[in-house]
Amino acid sequence: MTQELGKGGVDPKLLELLVCPLTKGRLRHDREARELISDTARLAYPIREGIPIMLVSEARRIDD
């Protein structure tokens, strides 16, 4: 059985379930940057080899 993955190698169903570990808010998927963005926390969580790294310590701070 083949699992269909979204662009960037992340399961689209997984993306629907994930929330920001800091705010528990929704995330936006930036396919080009391979990141999950929390607009509320102003953090970008990396996606490495198709695996979202949902650690605040690994997230990139988004500055204006």
Protein backbone atom coordinates (compact mmCIF):
# COMPACT_ATOMS: atom_id res chain seq x y z
CA MET A 1 0.00 0.00 0.00
CA THR A 2 1.50 3.31 -1.07
CA GLN A 3 0.98 6.36 1.08
CA GLU A 4 0.57 9.53 -0.95
CA LEU A 5 2.73 12.33 0.38
CA GLY A 6 2.30 16.03 -0.15
CA LYS A 7 4.94 18.14 -1.78
CA GLY A 8 7.95 18.17 0.50
CA GLY A 9 7.35 14.57 1.52
CA VAL A 10 4.99 15.25 4.44
CA ASP A 11 1.75 13.31 4.81
CA PRO A 12 -1.09 15.83 4.27
CA LYS A 13 -3.19 14.16 7.01
CA LEU A 14 -0.35 14.68 9.47
CA LEU A 15 -0.19 18.37 8.54
CA GLU A 16 -3.89 18.71 9.37
CA LEU A 17 -3.32 17.32 12.88
CA LEU A 18 -0.20 19.23 13.90
CA VAL A 19 -0.42 22.39 15.98
CA CYS A 20 2.20 24.75 17.36
CA PRO A 21 3.60 23.20 20.56
CA LEU A 22 3.88 26.65 22.13
CA THR A 23 0.49 28.21 21.32
CA LYS A 24 -1.52 25.11 20.28
CA GLY A 25 -2.58 27.18 17.27
CA ARG A 26 -2.81 26.25 13.59
CA LEU A 27 0.25 25.99 11.39
CA ARG A 28 0.76 27.13 7.82
CA HIS A 29 2.84 24.91 5.52
CA ASP A 30 5.52 26.75 3.54
CA ARG A 31 6.45 24.12 0.93
CA GLU A 32 9.29 26.10 -0.63
CA ALA A 33 11.06 26.74 2.68
CA ARG A 34 10.09 23.28 4.02
CA GLU A 35 8.74 24.77 7.23
CA LEU A 36 5.57 24.84 9.29
CA ILE A 37 4.80 28.41 10.28
CA SER A 38 3.10 29.52 13.49
CA ASP A 39 2.01 33.08 12.78
CA THR A 40 0.90 33.54 16.40
CA ALA A 41 4.21 32.45 17.94
CA ARG A 42 6.23 33.94 15.04
CA LEU A 43 8.13 30.65 14.71
CA ALA A 44 9.01 28.44 11.73
CA TYR A 45 9.41 24.73 12.48
CA PRO A 46 11.69 22.90 10.03
CA ILE A 47 10.71 19.83 8.04
CA ARG A 48 13.69 17.50 7.62
CA GLU A 49 13.47 14.45 5.35
CA GLY A 50 9.68 14.67 5.47
CA ILE A 51 9.54 14.85 9.28
CA PRO A 52 8.27 18.02 10.98
CA ILE A 53 10.58 18.96 13.86
CA MET A 54 8.10 20.32 16.39
CA LEU A 55 10.57 21.56 19.02
CA VAL A 56 10.60 25.22 19.98
CA SER A 57 14.37 24.96 20.42
CA GLU A 58 14.71 23.92 16.74
CA ALA A 59 12.34 26.58 15.38
CA ARG A 60 13.48 29.68 13.54
CA ARG A 61 12.22 32.98 14.94
CA ILE A 62 10.36 35.05 12.34
CA ASP A 63 11.29 38.72 12.56
CA ASP A 64 9.70 41.66 10.76
